[in-house]
C-alpha atoms as a PDB file:
ATOM      1  CA  UNK A   1     -49.512  86.622  11.183  1.00  0.00           C
ATOM      2  CA  UNK A   2     -46.085  85.628   9.803  1.00  0.00           C
ATOM      3  CA  UNK A   3     -44.829  82.319  10.844  1.00  0.00           C
ATOM      4  CA  UNK A   4     -42.323  82.670  13.754  1.00  0.00           C
ATOM      5  CA  UNK A   5     -39.466  80.270  14.519  1.00  0.00           C
ATOM      6  CA  UNK A   6     -39.890  78.528  17.900  1.00  0.00           C
ATOM      7  CA  UNK A   7     -36.788  77.039  19.678  1.00  0.00           C
ATOM      8  CA  UNK A   8     -37.159  74.393  22.376  1.00  0.00           C
ATOM      9  CA  UNK A   9     -34.630  73.179  25.078  1.00  0.00           C
ATOM     10  CA  UNK A  10     -35.459  69.501  25.596  1.00  0.00           C
ATOM     11  CA  UNK A  11     -34.893  66.926  28.345  1.00  0.00           C
ATOM     12  CA  UNK A  12     -35.581  63.410  27.896  1.00  0.00           C
ATOM     13  CA  UNK A  13     -34.872  59.865  29.004  1.00  0.00           C
ATOM     14  CA  UNK A  14     -34.301  57.784  26.061  1.00  0.00           C
ATOM     15  CA  UNK A  15     -34.955  54.311  27.575  1.00  0.00           C
ATOM     16  CA  UNK A  16     -38.267  53.928  25.810  1.00  0.00           C
ATOM     17  CA  UNK A  17     -37.559  55.456  22.558  1.00  0.00           C
ATOM     18  CA  UNK A  18     -35.930  54.198  19.143  1.00  0.00           C
ATOM     19  CA  UNK A  19     -33.865  57.351  19.145  1.00  0.00           C
ATOM     20  CA  UNK A  20     -34.571  61.156  18.361  1.00  0.00           C
ATOM     21  CA  UNK A  21     -35.419  60.725  14.645  1.00  0.00           C
ATOM     22  CA  UNK A  22     -38.802  59.845  13.197  1.00  0.00           C
ATOM     23  CA  UNK A  23     -39.142  56.531  11.817  1.00  0.00           C
ATOM     24  CA  UNK A  24     -41.896  54.331  10.245  1.00  0.00           C
ATOM     25  CA  UNK A  25     -43.080  52.405  13.351  1.00  0.00           C
ATOM     26  CA  UNK A  26     -40.791  52.602  16.375  1.00  0.00           C
ATOM     27  CA  UNK A  27     -41.530  55.308  19.008  1.00  0.00           C
ATOM     28  CA  UNK A  28     -39.187  58.268  18.937  1.00  0.00           C
ATOM     29  CA  UNK A  29     -38.671  61.327  20.876  1.00  0.00           C
ATOM     30  CA  UNK A  30     -39.080  63.775  17.642  1.00  0.00           C
ATOM     31  CA  UNK A  31     -42.382  62.148  16.731  1.00  0.00           C
ATOM     32  CA  UNK A  32     -43.812  62.558  20.471  1.00  0.00           C
ATOM     33  CA  UNK A  33     -42.762  66.237  20.225  1.00  0.00           C
ATOM     34  CA  UNK A  34     -44.231  66.780  16.762  1.00  0.00           C
ATOM     35  CA  UNK A  35     -47.573  65.023  18.004  1.00  0.00           C
ATOM     36  CA  UNK A  36     -47.638  67.282  20.935  1.00  0.00           C
ATOM     37  CA  UNK A  37     -47.245  70.183  18.946  1.00  0.00           C
ATOM     38  CA  UNK A  38     -50.162  69.166  16.516  1.00  0.00           C
ATOM     39  CA  UNK A  39     -52.433  68.570  19.494  1.00  0.00           C
ATOM     40  CA  UNK A  40     -51.757  72.129  20.954  1.00  0.00           C
ATOM     41  CA  UNK A  41     -51.880  74.086  17.646  1.00  0.00           C
ATOM     42  CA  UNK A  42     -53.709  72.070  15.012  1.00  0.00           C
ATOM     43  CA  UNK A  43     -50.383  72.279  12.839  1.00  0.00           C
ATOM     44  CA  UNK A  44     -48.127  69.679  11.513  1.00  0.00           C
ATOM     45  CA  UNK A  45     -44.674  71.133  11.608  1.00  0.00           C
ATOM     46  CA  UNK A  46     -40.947  69.709  11.039  1.00  0.00           C
ATOM     47  CA  UNK A  47     -39.329  69.721  14.431  1.00  0.00           C
ATOM     48  CA  UNK A  48     -35.442  69.923  13.630  1.00  0.00           C
ATOM     49  CA  UNK A  49     -32.976  68.701  16.489  1.00  0.00           C
ATOM     50  CA  UNK A  50     -29.652  69.557  17.051  1.00  0.00           C
ATOM     51  CA  UNK A  51     -28.539  65.921  17.622  1.00  0.00           C
ATOM     52  CA  UNK A  52     -29.839  62.618  16.339  1.00  0.00           C
ATOM     53  CA  UNK A  53     -29.443  60.628  19.475  1.00  0.00           C
ATOM     54  CA  UNK A  54     -29.533  56.706  19.130  1.00  0.00           C
ATOM     55  CA  UNK A  55     -32.104  54.374  20.780  1.00  0.00           C
ATOM     56  CA  UNK A  56     -31.732  54.573  24.585  1.00  0.00           C
ATOM     57  CA  UNK A  57     -29.364  57.659  24.583  1.00  0.00           C
ATOM     58  CA  UNK A  58     -30.599  60.599  26.981  1.00  0.00           C
ATOM     59  CA  UNK A  59     -30.618  64.349  26.625  1.00  0.00           C
ATOM     60  CA  UNK A  60     -30.264  66.901  29.243  1.00  0.00           C
ATOM     61  CA  UNK A  61     -29.834  69.700  26.803  1.00  0.00           C
ATOM     62  CA  UNK A  62     -31.139  68.808  23.230  1.00  0.00           C
ATOM     63  CA  UNK A  63     -32.146  71.891  21.108  1.00  0.00           C
ATOM     64  CA  UNK A  64     -34.787  71.839  18.556  1.00  0.00           C
ATOM     65  CA  UNK A  65     -36.769  74.206  16.365  1.00  0.00           C
ATOM     66  CA  UNK A  66     -39.735  74.567  14.105  1.00  0.00           C
ATOM     67  CA  UNK A  67     -41.532  77.315  12.055  1.00  0.00           C
ATOM     68  CA  UNK A  68     -45.119  77.793  12.708  1.00  0.00           C
ATOM     69  CA  UNK A  69     -47.759  80.429  11.910  1.00  0.00           C
ATOM     70  CA  UNK A  70     -49.910  80.379  15.167  1.00  0.00           C
ATOM     71  CA  UNK A  71     -50.950  83.012  17.711  1.00  0.00           C
ATOM     72  CA  UNK A  72     -49.545  81.179  20.737  1.00  0.00           C
ATOM     73  CA  UNK A  73     -46.950  83.186  22.437  1.00  0.00           C
ATOM     74  CA  UNK A  74     -43.399  81.571  22.149  1.00  0.00           C
ATOM     75  CA  UNK A  75     -43.122  81.056  26.064  1.00  0.00           C
ATOM     76  CA  UNK A  76     -46.393  79.357  26.479  1.00  0.00           C
ATOM     77  CA  UNK A  77     -45.499  76.425  24.126  1.00  0.00           C
ATOM     78  CA  UNK A  78     -43.607  74.866  27.006  1.00  0.00           C
ATOM     79  CA  UNK A  79     -46.329  74.086  29.320  1.00  0.00           C
ATOM     80  CA  UNK A  80     -48.828  73.583  26.375  1.00  0.00           C
ATOM     81  CA  UNK A  81     -46.807  70.888  24.572  1.00  0.00           C
ATOM     82  CA  UNK A  82     -45.496  69.338  28.119  1.00  0.00           C
ATOM     83  CA  UNK A  83     -49.317  68.808  28.890  1.00  0.00           C
ATOM     84  CA  UNK A  84     -49.288  66.207  25.890  1.00  0.00           C
ATOM     85  CA  UNK A  85     -45.865  64.730  26.369  1.00  0.00           C
ATOM     86  CA  UNK A  86     -45.143  61.574  28.359  1.00  0.00           C
ATOM     87  CA  UNK A  87     -43.347  62.186  31.573  1.00  0.00           C
ATOM     88  CA  UNK A  88     -39.918  61.012  30.270  1.00  0.00           C
ATOM     89  CA  UNK A  89     -39.647  64.043  27.764  1.00  0.00           C
ATOM     90  CA  UNK A  90     -39.900  67.644  29.128  1.00  0.00           C
ATOM     91  CA  UNK A  91     -39.760  70.971  27.187  1.00  0.00           C
ATOM     92  CA  UNK A  92     -37.599  73.031  29.748  1.00  0.00           C
ATOM     93  CA  UNK A  93     -37.693  76.384  27.695  1.00  0.00           C
ATOM     94  CA  UNK A  94     -39.557  77.794  24.658  1.00  0.00           C
ATOM     95  CA  UNK A  95     -38.595  80.852  23.033  1.00  0.00           C
ATOM     96  CA  UNK A  96     -38.656  82.853  19.734  1.00  0.00           C
ATOM     97  CA  UNK A  97     -35.543  82.415  17.556  1.00  0.00           C
ATOM     98  CA  UNK A  98     -34.224  84.551  14.559  1.00  0.00           C
ATOM     99  CA  UNK A  99     -35.995  83.387  11.226  1.00  0.00           C
ATOM    100  CA  UNK A 100     -32.523  81.811   9.997  1.00  0.00           C
ATOM    101  CA  UNK A 101     -31.871  79.766  13.142  1.00  0.00           C
ATOM    102  CA  UNK A 102     -31.408  76.017  12.524  1.00  0.00           C
ATOM    103  CA  UNK A 103     -30.946  73.682  15.628  1.00  0.00           C
ATOM    104  CA  UNK A 104     -28.641  71.390  13.599  1.00  0.00           C
ATOM    105  CA  UNK A 105     -26.812  73.453  11.050  1.00  0.00           C
ATOM    106  CA  UNK A 106     -26.295  76.641  13.463  1.00  0.00           C
ATOM    107  CA  UNK A 107     -24.557  74.646  16.127  1.00  0.00           C
ATOM    108  CA  UNK A 108     -20.953  75.482  16.786  1.00  0.00           C
ATOM    109  CA  UNK A 109     -20.397  72.665  19.142  1.00  0.00           C
ATOM    110  CA  UNK A 110     -21.842  69.955  21.101  1.00  0.00           C
ATOM    111  CA  UNK A 111     -21.082  68.359  24.590  1.00  0.00           C
ATOM    112  CA  UNK A 112     -21.676  64.827  25.558  1.00  0.00           C
ATOM    113  CA  UNK A 113     -21.210  62.950  28.855  1.00  0.00           C
ATOM    114  CA  UNK A 114     -20.914  59.300  29.482  1.00  0.00           C
ATOM    115  CA  UNK A 115     -21.482  57.425  32.961  1.00  0.00           C
ATOM    116  CA  UNK A 116     -19.993  54.336  34.072  1.00  0.00           C
ATOM    117  CA  UNK A 117     -20.416  52.905  37.690  1.00  0.00           C
ATOM    118  CA  UNK A 118     -18.597  49.975  39.210  1.00  0.00           C
ATOM    119  CA  UNK A 119     -21.888  49.425  41.373  1.00  0.00           C
ATOM    120  CA  UNK A 120     -24.948  47.671  40.486  1.00  0.00           C
ATOM    121  CA  UNK A 121     -28.189  49.590  40.999  1.00  0.00           C
ATOM    122  CA  UNK A 122     -32.031  48.828  40.695  1.00  0.00           C
ATOM    123  CA  UNK A 123     -32.821  52.359  40.230  1.00  0.00           C
ATOM    124  CA  UNK A 124     -29.994  53.750  38.209  1.00  0.00           C
ATOM    125  CA  UNK A 125     -29.226  50.903  35.698  1.00  0.00           C
ATOM    126  CA  UNK A 126     -30.984  52.567  32.997  1.00  0.00           C
ATOM    127  CA  UNK A 127     -29.145  55.691  33.282  1.00  0.00           C
ATOM    128  CA  UNK A 128     -25.390  54.403  33.211  1.00  0.00           C
ATOM    129  CA  UNK A 129     -23.097  51.728  32.104  1.00  0.00           C
ATOM    130  CA  UNK A 130     -22.789  49.289  34.937  1.00  0.00           C
ATOM    131  CA  UNK A 131     -19.388  47.735  34.678  1.00  0.00           C
ATOM    132  CA  UNK A 132     -17.779  46.014  37.539  1.00  0.00           C
ATOM    133  CA  UNK A 133     -14.344  45.471  35.812  1.00  0.00           C
ATOM    134  CA  UNK A 134     -11.603  47.631  37.778  1.00  0.00           C
ATOM    135  CA  UNK A 135     -10.614  50.406  35.426  1.00  0.00           C
ATOM    136  CA  UNK A 136      -7.134  52.153  35.184  1.00  0.00           C
ATOM    137  CA  UNK A 137      -8.039  55.616  35.544  1.00  0.00           C
ATOM    138  CA  UNK A 138      -4.686  56.822  34.664  1.00  0.00           C
ATOM    139  CA  UNK A 139      -4.942  55.128  31.142  1.00  0.00           C
ATOM    140  CA  UNK A 140      -8.455  56.419  30.644  1.00  0.00           C
ATOM    141  CA  UNK A 141      -6.994  59.904  31.152  1.00  0.00           C
ATOM    142  CA  UNK A 142      -4.170  59.278  28.829  1.00  0.00           C
ATOM    143  CA  UNK A 143      -6.200  57.883  26.181  1.00  0.00           C
ATOM    144  CA  UNK A 144      -8.771  60.804  26.318  1.00  0.00           C
ATOM    145  CA  UNK A 145      -5.980  63.275  25.858  1.00  0.00           C
ATOM    146  CA  UNK A 146      -5.136  61.737  22.489  1.00  0.00           C
ATOM    147  CA  UNK A 147      -8.870  62.482  21.467  1.00  0.00           C
ATOM    148  CA  UNK A 148      -8.345  66.419  21.540  1.00  0.00           C
ATOM    149  CA  UNK A 149      -7.778  68.045  18.150  1.00  0.00           C
ATOM    150  CA  UNK A 150      -8.583  67.538  14.640  1.00  0.00           C
ATOM    151  CA  UNK A 151      -8.910  63.765  13.548  1.00  0.00           C
ATOM    152  CA  UNK A 152     -10.550  61.569  11.149  1.00  0.00           C
ATOM    153  CA  UNK A 153     -12.966  59.561  13.550  1.00  0.00           C
ATOM    154  CA  UNK A 154     -14.190  57.263  10.667  1.00  0.00           C
ATOM    155  CA  UNK A 155     -12.661  54.245  12.749  1.00  0.00           C
ATOM    156  CA  UNK A 156     -15.080  55.181  15.423  1.00  0.00           C
ATOM    157  CA  UNK A 157     -18.037  55.392  13.221  1.00  0.00           C
ATOM    158  CA  UNK A 158     -20.688  52.728  11.952  1.00  0.00           C
ATOM    159  CA  UNK A 159     -19.350  52.115   8.294  1.00  0.00           C
ATOM    160  CA  UNK A 160     -22.955  52.562   6.854  1.00  0.00           C
ATOM    161  CA  UNK A 161     -22.978  56.078   8.329  1.00  0.00           C
ATOM    162  CA  UNK A 162     -19.531  57.141   7.390  1.00  0.00           C
ATOM    163  CA  UNK A 163     -19.561  60.622   5.206  1.00  0.00           C
ATOM    164  CA  UNK A 164     -17.352  61.753   2.541  1.00  0.00           C
ATOM    165  CA  UNK A 165     -15.618  64.040   5.116  1.00  0.00           C
ATOM    166  CA  UNK A 166     -15.199  62.254   8.775  1.00  0.00           C
ATOM    167  CA  UNK A 167     -12.920  64.844  10.578  1.00  0.00           C
ATOM    168  CA  UNK A 168     -14.244  66.289  13.872  1.00  0.00           C
ATOM    169  CA  UNK A 169     -12.422  69.110  16.013  1.00  0.00           C
ATOM    170  CA  UNK A 170     -12.590  67.947  19.502  1.00  0.00           C
ATOM    171  CA  UNK A 171     -11.884  70.845  21.988  1.00  0.00           C
ATOM    172  CA  UNK A 172     -12.225  68.951  25.396  1.00  0.00           C
ATOM    173  CA  UNK A 173     -11.968  65.276  26.337  1.00  0.00           C
ATOM    174  CA  UNK A 174     -11.411  64.297  29.947  1.00  0.00           C
ATOM    175  CA  UNK A 175     -12.637  61.699  32.468  1.00  0.00           C
ATOM    176  CA  UNK A 176     -13.622  62.427  35.912  1.00  0.00           C
ATOM    177  CA  UNK A 177     -14.129  60.178  39.090  1.00  0.00           C
ATOM    178  CA  UNK A 178     -16.797  60.511  41.775  1.00  0.00           C
ATOM    179  CA  UNK A 179     -17.618  57.988  44.277  1.00  0.00           C
ATOM    180  CA  UNK A 180     -18.531  54.960  42.164  1.00  0.00           C
ATOM    181  CA  UNK A 181     -18.878  56.956  39.050  1.00  0.00           C
ATOM    182  CA  UNK A 182     -16.415  57.580  36.130  1.00  0.00           C
ATOM    183  CA  UNK A 183     -17.738  60.330  33.825  1.00  0.00           C
ATOM    184  CA  UNK A 184     -16.418  61.242  30.442  1.00  0.00           C
ATOM    185  CA  UNK A 185     -16.826  64.424  29.125  1.00  0.00           C
ATOM    186  CA  UNK A 186     -16.359  65.296  25.432  1.00  0.00           C
ATOM    187  CA  UNK A 187     -17.097  68.579  23.483  1.00  0.00           C
ATOM    188  CA  UNK A 188     -16.500  69.271  19.587  1.00  0.00           C
ATOM    189  CA  UNK A 189     -17.799  70.724  16.540  1.00  0.00           C
ATOM    190  CA  UNK A 190     -19.540  67.652  15.408  1.00  0.00           C
ATOM    191  CA  UNK A 191     -19.794  63.866  16.057  1.00  0.00           C
ATOM    192  CA  UNK A 192     -20.189  60.853  13.679  1.00  0.00           C
ATOM    193  CA  UNK A 193     -22.910  58.121  14.246  1.00  0.00           C
ATOM    194  CA  UNK A 194     -22.080  56.097  17.384  1.00  0.00           C
ATOM    195  CA  UNK A 195     -18.591  57.978  17.711  1.00  0.00           C
ATOM    196  CA  UNK A 196     -18.854  58.733  21.524  1.00  0.00           C
ATOM    197  CA  UNK A 197     -19.901  55.202  22.523  1.00  0.00           C
ATOM    198  CA  UNK A 198     -17.003  53.882  20.409  1.00  0.00           C
ATOM    199  CA  UNK A 199     -14.268  56.138  21.882  1.00  0.00           C
ATOM    200  CA  UNK A 200     -15.740  55.080  25.314  1.00  0.00           C
ATOM    201  CA  UNK A 201     -15.733  51.389  24.610  1.00  0.00           C
ATOM    202  CA  UNK A 202     -12.096  51.535  23.260  1.00  0.00           C
ATOM    203  CA  UNK A 203     -10.921  53.562  26.272  1.00  0.00           C
ATOM    204  CA  UNK A 204     -12.773  50.983  28.689  1.00  0.00           C
ATOM    205  CA  UNK A 205     -11.069  47.959  26.827  1.00  0.00           C
ATOM    206  CA  UNK A 206      -7.494  49.310  27.004  1.00  0.00           C
ATOM    207  CA  UNK A 207      -8.147  50.553  30.861  1.00  0.00           C
ATOM    208  CA  UNK A 208      -9.435  47.091  31.897  1.00  0.00           C
ATOM    209  CA  UNK A 209      -7.223  45.127  34.245  1.00  0.00           C
ATOM    210  CA  UNK A 210      -8.907  41.711  33.224  1.00  0.00           C
ATOM    211  CA  UNK A 211      -9.674  41.680  29.487  1.00  0.00           C
ATOM    212  CA  UNK A 212     -13.098  40.644  28.425  1.00  0.00           C
ATOM    213  CA  UNK A 213     -12.385  37.649  26.115  1.00  0.00           C
ATOM    214  CA  UNK A 214     -15.211  38.923  23.739  1.00  0.00           C
ATOM    215  CA  UNK A 215     -13.360  42.295  23.199  1.00  0.00           C
ATOM    216  CA  UNK A 216     -10.547  43.109  21.132  1.00  0.00           C
ATOM    217  CA  UNK A 217      -7.389  43.904  23.308  1.00  0.00           C
ATOM    218  CA  UNK A 218      -6.281  47.338  22.899  1.00  0.00           C
ATOM    219  CA  UNK A 219      -3.210  49.046  24.164  1.00  0.00           C
ATOM    220  CA  UNK A 220      -2.610  52.858  24.646  1.00  0.00           C
ATOM    221  CA  UNK A 221      -0.265  52.933  21.650  1.00  0.00           C
ATOM    222  CA  UNK A 222      -2.506  51.269  19.316  1.00  0.00           C
ATOM    223  CA  UNK A 223      -5.434  53.488  20.408  1.00  0.00           C
ATOM    224  CA  UNK A 224      -3.336  56.589  19.665  1.00  0.00           C
ATOM    225  CA  UNK A 225      -2.494  54.986  16.231  1.00  0.00           C
ATOM    226  CA  UNK A 226      -6.029  54.508  15.443  1.00  0.00           C
ATOM    227  CA  UNK A 227      -6.859  58.160  16.449  1.00  0.00           C
ATOM    228  CA  UNK A 228      -3.853  59.430  14.318  1.00  0.00           C
ATOM    229  CA  UNK A 229      -5.008  57.470  11.419  1.00  0.00           C
ATOM    230  CA  UNK A 230      -1.624  55.491  11.420  1.00  0.00           C
ATOM    231  CA  UNK A 231      -3.388  52.170  10.969  1.00  0.00           C
ATOM    232  CA  UNK A 232      -6.488  51.224   8.989  1.00  0.00           C
ATOM    233  CA  UNK A 233      -7.878  49.435  12.051  1.00  0.00           C
ATOM    234  CA  UNK A 234     -11.285  50.337  13.246  1.00  0.00           C
ATOM    235  CA  UNK A 235     -13.370  49.880  16.423  1.00  0.00           C
ATOM    236  CA  UNK A 236     -16.009  47.314  16.208  1.00  0.00           C
ATOM    237  CA  UNK A 237     -17.476  47.613  19.671  1.00  0.00           C
ATOM    238  CA  UNK A 238     -19.552  50.068  21.535  1.00  0.00           C
ATOM    239  CA  UNK A 239     -20.503  51.065  24.891  1.00  0.00           C
ATOM    240  CA  UNK A 240     -24.216  50.687  25.939  1.00  0.00           C
ATOM    241  CA  UNK A 241     -26.705  53.538  24.716  1.00  0.00           C
ATOM    242  CA  UNK A 242     -27.981  54.179  28.121  1.00  0.00           C
ATOM    243  CA  UNK A 243     -24.808  55.626  29.672  1.00  0.00           C
ATOM    244  CA  UNK A 244     -24.705  58.440  27.153  1.00  0.00           C
ATOM    245  CA  UNK A 245     -26.195  62.080  27.400  1.00  0.00           C
ATOM    246  CA  UNK A 246     -26.389  64.900  25.025  1.00  0.00           C
ATOM    247  CA  UNK A 247     -25.642  67.573  27.831  1.00  0.00           C
ATOM    248  CA  UNK A 248     -25.419  70.940  25.969  1.00  0.00           C
ATOM    249  CA  UNK A 249     -25.322  72.733  22.262  1.00  0.00           C
ATOM    250  CA  UNK A 250     -23.553  75.647  21.687  1.00  0.00           C
ATOM    251  CA  UNK A 251     -24.395  78.408  19.099  1.00  0.00           C
END
């Protein structure tokens, strides 16, 4: 039979992994899924992910695909592959996709979420940034507004990962507050390496009443200047990875 293009919707807790992408040595999510598919089918496939999440970053809606010539029905891959996956990685859906579907290049937008808590927890500490500093929510919201639009986000990207073109179109950028949690939601057509974590760190820095001496002091105006490319200043600090989630990918 002809090879089929199988599409996965995946959830994972990134705490125990060195990110999504396969590396020499460290344990990664992509490697775990590739190995599980091989155990089910006897086939070695290339698993393509929509977003290359960093070490410690989580996913609620990672999308992946792979081409395979095998008799197993597409809907049965979910349970079969989950049997061989560790408990912190779950395939939520498995379907057949069009032959040309590509989890990364077919995506038109991605949505990320970042969680900050002002309270400490023995249970949830690996799932959010626990920051006891008092944050000015109004300043956070104003800063988030500057992010919307088409901007060169190279000041918020690791230098070694910058591309020739570093512009991104951000459609949505907003903070929410519920109980002890402050939640940042952002949606855009693409994201640079560590961009969301750098944006969050910058916004938290400028909204912190008592500035941390180890962090560069930002103001709302300086943040706006960086976003608007009116300065060559770059953000050199990042929010911890364990507060970040890849929530959804749109096609």
